[in-house]
């Protein structure tokens, strides 16, 4: 299974959270459109259909990536 680069996943997760906050505090049509774009991208990358599920999968993939990284040798 292909996986998105962790930096892309992190950026999309952060952007979706930021846009959700802006929408909840009265964001307009442009914020809604941007959130729809990010949601679509996250869903495609994670193989899901809903934003909450996509965020969960993205966070799991980020956590898995952190566990697999080995510390630098000295």
PDB file of N, CA and C in Angstrom:
ATOM      1  N   UNK A   1       0.840  -1.187   0.000  1.00  0.00           N
ATOM      2  CA  UNK A   1       0.000   0.000   0.000  1.00  0.00           C
ATOM      3  C   UNK A   1       0.883   1.248   0.000  1.00  0.00           C
ATOM      4  N   UNK A   2       0.574   2.160  -0.881  1.00  0.00           N
ATOM      5  CA  UNK A   2       1.313   3.423  -0.925  1.00  0.00           C
ATOM      6  C   UNK A   2       0.870   4.322   0.219  1.00  0.00           C
ATOM      7  N   UNK A   3       1.824   5.086   0.725  1.00  0.00           N
ATOM      8  CA  UNK A   3       1.520   6.022   1.796  1.00  0.00           C
ATOM      9  C   UNK A   3       2.062   7.386   1.428  1.00  0.00           C
ATOM     10  N   UNK A   4       1.354   8.407   1.854  1.00  0.00           N
ATOM     11  CA  UNK A   4       1.799   9.779   1.618  1.00  0.00           C
ATOM     12  C   UNK A   4       2.995  10.086   2.516  1.00  0.00           C
ATOM     13  N   UNK A   5       3.810  11.008   2.073  1.00  0.00           N
ATOM     14  CA  UNK A   5       4.955  11.434   2.871  1.00  0.00           C
ATOM     15  C   UNK A   5       4.441  12.052   4.164  1.00  0.00           C
ATOM     16  N   UNK A   6       5.097  11.774   5.290  1.00  0.00           N
ATOM     17  CA  UNK A   6       4.637  12.312   6.574  1.00  0.00           C
ATOM     18  C   UNK A   6       4.489  13.834   6.603  1.00  0.00           C
ATOM     19  N   UNK A   7       5.358  14.553   5.919  1.00  0.00           N
ATOM     20  CA  UNK A   7       5.234  16.014   5.944  1.00  0.00           C
ATOM     21  C   UNK A   7       3.955  16.469   5.242  1.00  0.00           C
ATOM     22  N   UNK A   8       3.548  15.772   4.182  1.00  0.00           N
ATOM     23  CA  UNK A   8       2.297  16.099   3.501  1.00  0.00           C
ATOM     24  C   UNK A   8       1.111  15.774   4.399  1.00  0.00           C
ATOM     25  N   UNK A   9       1.133  14.616   5.024  1.00  0.00           N
ATOM     26  CA  UNK A   9       0.054  14.249   5.936  1.00  0.00           C
ATOM     27  C   UNK A   9      -0.078  15.268   7.065  1.00  0.00           C
ATOM     28  N   UNK A  10       1.043  15.606   7.659  1.00  0.00           N
ATOM     29  CA  UNK A  10       1.040  16.574   8.776  1.00  0.00           C
ATOM     30  C   UNK A  10       0.454  17.910   8.326  1.00  0.00           C
ATOM     31  N   UNK A  11       0.867  18.373   7.164  1.00  0.00           N
ATOM     32  CA  UNK A  11       0.373  19.646   6.634  1.00  0.00           C
ATOM     33  C   UNK A  11      -1.142  19.603   6.408  1.00  0.00           C
ATOM     34  N   UNK A  12      -1.634  18.512   5.828  1.00  0.00           N
ATOM     35  CA  UNK A  12      -3.067  18.395   5.559  1.00  0.00           C
ATOM     36  C   UNK A  12      -3.876  18.300   6.850  1.00  0.00           C
ATOM     37  N   UNK A  13      -3.382  17.563   7.828  1.00  0.00           N
ATOM     38  CA  UNK A  13      -4.078  17.456   9.112  1.00  0.00           C
ATOM     39  C   UNK A  13      -4.148  18.827   9.778  1.00  0.00           C
ATOM     40  N   UNK A  14      -3.029  19.527   9.819  1.00  0.00           N
ATOM     41  CA  UNK A  14      -3.004  20.848  10.445  1.00  0.00           C
ATOM     42  C   UNK A  14      -3.913  21.823   9.706  1.00  0.00           C
ATOM     43  N   UNK A  15      -3.882  21.788   8.376  1.00  0.00           N
ATOM     44  CA  UNK A  15      -4.717  22.698   7.589  1.00  0.00           C
ATOM     45  C   UNK A  15      -6.202  22.407   7.819  1.00  0.00           C
ATOM     46  N   UNK A  16      -6.569  21.127   7.871  1.00  0.00           N
ATOM     47  CA  UNK A  16      -7.976  20.799   8.092  1.00  0.00           C
ATOM     48  C   UNK A  16      -8.438  21.258   9.467  1.00  0.00           C
ATOM     49  N   UNK A  17      -7.600  21.094  10.482  1.00  0.00           N
ATOM     50  CA  UNK A  17      -7.963  21.546  11.822  1.00  0.00           C
ATOM     51  C   UNK A  17      -8.125  23.065  11.858  1.00  0.00           C
ATOM     52  N   UNK A  18      -7.214  23.765  11.217  1.00  0.00           N
ATOM     53  CA  UNK A  18      -7.275  25.229  11.169  1.00  0.00           C
ATOM     54  C   UNK A  18      -8.546  25.693  10.454  1.00  0.00           C
ATOM     55  N   UNK A  19      -8.861  25.061   9.322  1.00  0.00           N
ATOM     56  CA  UNK A  19     -10.048  25.443   8.562  1.00  0.00           C
ATOM     57  C   UNK A  19     -11.331  25.100   9.312  1.00  0.00           C
ATOM     58  N   UNK A  20     -11.350  23.988  10.023  1.00  0.00           N
ATOM     59  CA  UNK A  20     -12.528  23.641  10.810  1.00  0.00           C
ATOM     60  C   UNK A  20     -12.783  24.674  11.903  1.00  0.00           C
ATOM     61  N   UNK A  21     -11.711  25.131  12.540  1.00  0.00           N
ATOM     62  CA  UNK A  21     -11.863  26.179  13.566  1.00  0.00           C
ATOM     63  C   UNK A  21     -12.392  27.470  12.943  1.00  0.00           C
ATOM     64  N   UNK A  22     -11.824  27.851  11.791  1.00  0.00           N
ATOM     65  CA  UNK A  22     -12.274  29.077  11.122  1.00  0.00           C
ATOM     66  C   UNK A  22     -13.733  28.974  10.704  1.00  0.00           C
ATOM     67  N   UNK A  23     -14.152  27.824  10.203  1.00  0.00           N
ATOM     68  CA  UNK A  23     -15.534  27.629   9.791  1.00  0.00           C
ATOM     69  C   UNK A  23     -16.469  27.705  11.004  1.00  0.00           C
ATOM     70  N   UNK A  24     -16.057  27.108  12.110  1.00  0.00           N
ATOM     71  CA  UNK A  24     -16.877  27.127  13.320  1.00  0.00           C
ATOM     72  C   UNK A  24     -17.022  28.533  13.889  1.00  0.00           C
ATOM     73  N   UNK A  25     -16.034  29.388  13.633  1.00  0.00           N
ATOM     74  CA  UNK A  25     -16.104  30.754  14.164  1.00  0.00           C
ATOM     75  C   UNK A  25     -16.633  31.741  13.134  1.00  0.00           C
ATOM     76  N   UNK A  26     -17.405  31.246  12.174  1.00  0.00           N
ATOM     77  CA  UNK A  26     -18.075  32.132  11.236  1.00  0.00           C
ATOM     78  C   UNK A  26     -17.430  32.271   9.881  1.00  0.00           C
ATOM     79  N   UNK A  27     -16.566  31.345   9.517  1.00  0.00           N
ATOM     80  CA  UNK A  27     -15.942  31.391   8.191  1.00  0.00           C
ATOM     81  C   UNK A  27     -16.986  31.287   7.090  1.00  0.00           C
ATOM     82  N   UNK A  28     -16.690  31.860   5.964  1.00  0.00           N
ATOM     83  CA  UNK A  28     -17.647  31.918   4.867  1.00  0.00           C
ATOM     84  C   UNK A  28     -17.471  30.818   3.846  1.00  0.00           C
ATOM     85  N   UNK A  29     -17.971  31.103   2.654  1.00  0.00           N
ATOM     86  CA  UNK A  29     -17.976  30.131   1.569  1.00  0.00           C
ATOM     87  C   UNK A  29     -16.561  29.732   1.139  1.00  0.00           C
ATOM     88  N   UNK A  30     -15.637  30.678   1.155  1.00  0.00           N
ATOM     89  CA  UNK A  30     -14.261  30.364   0.751  1.00  0.00           C
ATOM     90  C   UNK A  30     -13.611  29.384   1.721  1.00  0.00           C
ATOM     91  N   UNK A  31     -13.838  29.573   3.006  1.00  0.00           N
ATOM     92  CA  UNK A  31     -13.295  28.647   4.016  1.00  0.00           C
ATOM     93  C   UNK A  31     -13.914  27.273   3.832  1.00  0.00           C
ATOM     94  N   UNK A  32     -15.203  27.233   3.586  1.00  0.00           N
ATOM     95  CA  UNK A  32     -15.894  25.953   3.367  1.00  0.00           C
ATOM     96  C   UNK A  32     -15.317  25.240   2.140  1.00  0.00           C
ATOM     97  N   UNK A  33     -15.078  25.971   1.056  1.00  0.00           N
ATOM     98  CA  UNK A  33     -14.513  25.374  -0.154  1.00  0.00           C
ATOM     99  C   UNK A  33     -13.116  24.827   0.106  1.00  0.00           C
ATOM    100  N   UNK A  34     -12.294  25.596   0.838  1.00  0.00           N
ATOM    101  CA  UNK A  34     -10.944  25.141   1.165  1.00  0.00           C
ATOM    102  C   UNK A  34     -10.987  23.873   2.011  1.00  0.00           C
ATOM    103  N   UNK A  35     -11.912  23.825   2.970  1.00  0.00           N
ATOM    104  CA  UNK A  35     -12.052  22.631   3.808  1.00  0.00           C
ATOM    105  C   UNK A  35     -12.502  21.433   2.967  1.00  0.00           C
ATOM    106  N   UNK A  36     -13.398  21.658   2.032  1.00  0.00           N
ATOM    107  CA  UNK A  36     -13.824  20.572   1.143  1.00  0.00           C
ATOM    108  C   UNK A  36     -12.651  20.052   0.320  1.00  0.00           C
ATOM    109  N   UNK A  37     -11.791  20.936  -0.153  1.00  0.00           N
ATOM    110  CA  UNK A  37     -10.608  20.530  -0.923  1.00  0.00           C
ATOM    111  C   UNK A  37      -9.655  19.692  -0.074  1.00  0.00           C
ATOM    112  N   UNK A  38      -9.395  20.162   1.136  1.00  0.00           N
ATOM    113  CA  UNK A  38      -8.488  19.430   2.038  1.00  0.00           C
ATOM    114  C   UNK A  38      -9.101  18.085   2.410  1.00  0.00           C
ATOM    115  N   UNK A  39     -10.403  18.080   2.672  1.00  0.00           N
ATOM    116  CA  UNK A  39     -11.094  16.835   3.013  1.00  0.00           C
ATOM    117  C   UNK A  39     -10.971  15.826   1.874  1.00  0.00           C
ATOM    118  N   UNK A  40     -11.212  16.276   0.647  1.00  0.00           N
ATOM    119  CA  UNK A  40     -11.101  15.393  -0.513  1.00  0.00           C
ATOM    120  C   UNK A  40      -9.690  14.804  -0.605  1.00  0.00           C
ATOM    121  N   UNK A  41      -8.689  15.664  -0.484  1.00  0.00           N
ATOM    122  CA  UNK A  41      -7.301  15.213  -0.599  1.00  0.00           C
ATOM    123  C   UNK A  41      -6.953  14.209   0.499  1.00  0.00           C
ATOM    124  N   UNK A  42      -7.332  14.517   1.732  1.00  0.00           N
ATOM    125  CA  UNK A  42      -7.058  13.593   2.840  1.00  0.00           C
ATOM    126  C   UNK A  42      -7.762  12.247   2.627  1.00  0.00           C
ATOM    127  N   UNK A  43      -8.994  12.299   2.161  1.00  0.00           N
ATOM    128  CA  UNK A  43      -9.729  11.050   1.939  1.00  0.00           C
ATOM    129  C   UNK A  43      -9.086  10.212   0.840  1.00  0.00           C
ATOM    130  N   UNK A  44      -8.646  10.848  -0.225  1.00  0.00           N
ATOM    131  CA  UNK A  44      -7.987  10.110  -1.311  1.00  0.00           C
ATOM    132  C   UNK A  44      -6.684   9.493  -0.808  1.00  0.00           C
ATOM    133  N   UNK A  45      -5.902  10.283  -0.106  1.00  0.00           N
ATOM    134  CA  UNK A  45      -4.590   9.811   0.369  1.00  0.00           C
ATOM    135  C   UNK A  45      -4.729   8.665   1.365  1.00  0.00           C
ATOM    136  N   UNK A  46      -5.764   8.717   2.209  1.00  0.00           N
ATOM    137  CA  UNK A  46      -5.912   7.700   3.253  1.00  0.00           C
ATOM    138  C   UNK A  46      -6.858   6.566   2.864  1.00  0.00           C
ATOM    139  N   UNK A  47      -7.509   6.692   1.698  1.00  0.00           N
ATOM    140  CA  UNK A  47      -8.419   5.642   1.256  1.00  0.00           C
ATOM    141  C   UNK A  47      -9.705   5.591   2.069  1.00  0.00           C
ATOM    142  N   UNK A  48     -10.161   6.750   2.531  1.00  0.00           N
ATOM    143  CA  UNK A  48     -11.382   6.826   3.329  1.00  0.00           C
ATOM    144  C   UNK A  48     -12.406   7.705   2.622  1.00  0.00           C
ATOM    145  N   UNK A  49     -13.569   7.891   3.278  1.00  0.00           N
ATOM    146  CA  UNK A  49     -14.641   8.679   2.657  1.00  0.00           C
ATOM    147  C   UNK A  49     -15.146   9.819   3.535  1.00  0.00           C
ATOM    148  N   UNK A  50     -14.717   9.870   4.789  1.00  0.00           N
ATOM    149  CA  UNK A  50     -15.179  10.924   5.695  1.00  0.00           C
ATOM    150  C   UNK A  50     -13.981  11.584   6.353  1.00  0.00           C
ATOM    151  N   UNK A  51     -14.109  12.874   6.647  1.00  0.00           N
ATOM    152  CA  UNK A  51     -12.987  13.628   7.200  1.00  0.00           C
ATOM    153  C   UNK A  51     -12.518  13.058   8.533  1.00  0.00           C
ATOM    154  N   UNK A  52     -13.430  12.751   9.440  1.00  0.00           N
ATOM    155  CA  UNK A  52     -12.999  12.234  10.748  1.00  0.00           C
ATOM    156  C   UNK A  52     -12.211  10.936  10.604  1.00  0.00           C
ATOM    157  N   UNK A  53     -12.662  10.069   9.727  1.00  0.00           N
ATOM    158  CA  UNK A  53     -11.952   8.810   9.487  1.00  0.00           C
ATOM    159  C   UNK A  53     -10.600   9.080   8.841  1.00  0.00           C
ATOM    160  N   UNK A  54     -10.560   9.996   7.879  1.00  0.00           N
ATOM    161  CA  UNK A  54      -9.303  10.341   7.212  1.00  0.00           C
ATOM    162  C   UNK A  54      -8.303  10.922   8.205  1.00  0.00           C
ATOM    163  N   UNK A  55      -8.772  11.770   9.105  1.00  0.00           N
ATOM    164  CA  UNK A  55      -7.876  12.342  10.121  1.00  0.00           C
ATOM    165  C   UNK A  55      -7.344  11.255  11.048  1.00  0.00           C
ATOM    166  N   UNK A  56      -8.200  10.327  11.429  1.00  0.00           N
ATOM    167  CA  UNK A  56      -7.767   9.225  12.290  1.00  0.00           C
ATOM    168  C   UNK A  56      -6.680   8.393  11.602  1.00  0.00           C
ATOM    169  N   UNK A  57      -6.930   8.024  10.352  1.00  0.00           N
ATOM    170  CA  UNK A  57      -5.960   7.210   9.600  1.00  0.00           C
ATOM    171  C   UNK A  57      -4.655   7.982   9.404  1.00  0.00           C
ATOM    172  N   UNK A  58      -4.752   9.257   9.068  1.00  0.00           N
ATOM    173  CA  UNK A  58      -3.548  10.071   8.866  1.00  0.00           C
ATOM    174  C   UNK A  58      -2.729  10.152  10.149  1.00  0.00           C
ATOM    175  N   UNK A  59      -3.400  10.359  11.273  1.00  0.00           N
ATOM    176  CA  UNK A  59      -2.683  10.428  12.556  1.00  0.00           C
ATOM    177  C   UNK A  59      -2.043   9.086  12.904  1.00  0.00           C
ATOM    178  N   UNK A  60      -2.738   7.992  12.590  1.00  0.00           N
ATOM    179  CA  UNK A  60      -2.162   6.656  12.822  1.00  0.00           C
ATOM    180  C   UNK A  60      -0.917   6.453  11.963  1.00  0.00           C
ATOM    181  N   UNK A  61      -0.979   6.858  10.708  1.00  0.00           N
ATOM    182  CA  UNK A  61       0.171   6.715   9.827  1.00  0.00           C
ATOM    183  C   UNK A  61       1.340   7.568  10.315  1.00  0.00           C
ATOM    184  N   UNK A  62       1.049   8.765  10.793  1.00  0.00           N
ATOM    185  CA  UNK A  62       2.115   9.619  11.329  1.00  0.00           C
ATOM    186  C   UNK A  62       2.738   8.980  12.567  1.00  0.00           C
ATOM    187  N   UNK A  63       1.910   8.440  13.442  1.00  0.00           N
ATOM    188  CA  UNK A  63       2.419   7.788  14.655  1.00  0.00           C
ATOM    189  C   UNK A  63       3.239   6.555  14.296  1.00  0.00           C
ATOM    190  N   UNK A  64       2.767   5.768  13.333  1.00  0.00           N
ATOM    191  CA  UNK A  64       3.514   4.582  12.896  1.00  0.00           C
ATOM    192  C   UNK A  64       4.867   4.983  12.332  1.00  0.00           C
ATOM    193  N   UNK A  65       4.889   6.056  11.578  1.00  0.00           N
ATOM    194  CA  UNK A  65       6.147   6.535  11.009  1.00  0.00           C
ATOM    195  C   UNK A  65       7.129   6.966  12.086  1.00  0.00           C
ATOM    196  N   UNK A  66       6.627   7.571  13.138  1.00  0.00           N
ATOM    197  CA  UNK A  66       7.498   8.004  14.239  1.00  0.00           C
ATOM    198  C   UNK A  66       8.072   6.796  14.969  1.00  0.00           C
ATOM    199  N   UNK A  67       7.278   5.741  15.133  1.00  0.00           N
ATOM    200  CA  UNK A  67       7.756   4.547  15.832  1.00  0.00           C
ATOM    201  C   UNK A  67       8.828   3.813  15.019  1.00  0.00           C
ATOM    202  N   UNK A  68       8.704   3.875  13.694  1.00  0.00           N
ATOM    203  CA  UNK A  68       9.649   3.151  12.842  1.00  0.00           C
ATOM    204  C   UNK A  68      10.985   3.847  12.692  1.00  0.00           C
ATOM    205  N   UNK A  69      11.011   5.156  12.928  1.00  0.00           N
ATOM    206  CA  UNK A  69      12.284   5.868  12.778  1.00  0.00           C
ATOM    207  C   UNK A  69      13.260   5.424  13.858  1.00  0.00           C
ATOM    208  N   UNK A  70      14.471   5.162  13.423  1.00  0.00           N
ATOM    209  CA  UNK A  70      15.492   4.749  14.379  1.00  0.00           C
ATOM    210  C   UNK A  70      16.302   5.963  14.781  1.00  0.00           C
ATOM    211  N   UNK A  71      16.751   6.004  16.015  1.00  0.00           N
ATOM    212  CA  UNK A  71      17.579   7.143  16.439  1.00  0.00           C
ATOM    213  C   UNK A  71      18.908   7.153  15.681  1.00  0.00           C
ATOM    214  N   UNK A  72      19.473   8.327  15.564  1.00  0.00           N
ATOM    215  CA  UNK A  72      20.775   8.464  14.914  1.00  0.00           C
ATOM    216  C   UNK A  72      21.858   7.779  15.738  1.00  0.00           C
ATOM    217  N   UNK A  73      22.780   7.180  15.046  1.00  0.00           N
ATOM    218  CA  UNK A  73      23.901   6.546  15.757  1.00  0.00           C
ATOM    219  C   UNK A  73      24.917   7.580  16.149  1.00  0.00           C
ATOM    220  N   UNK A  74      25.559   7.367  17.233  1.00  0.00           N
ATOM    221  CA  UNK A  74      26.614   8.283  17.689  1.00  0.00           C
ATOM    222  C   UNK A  74      27.970   7.663  17.496  1.00  0.00           C
TER     223      UNK A  74
END
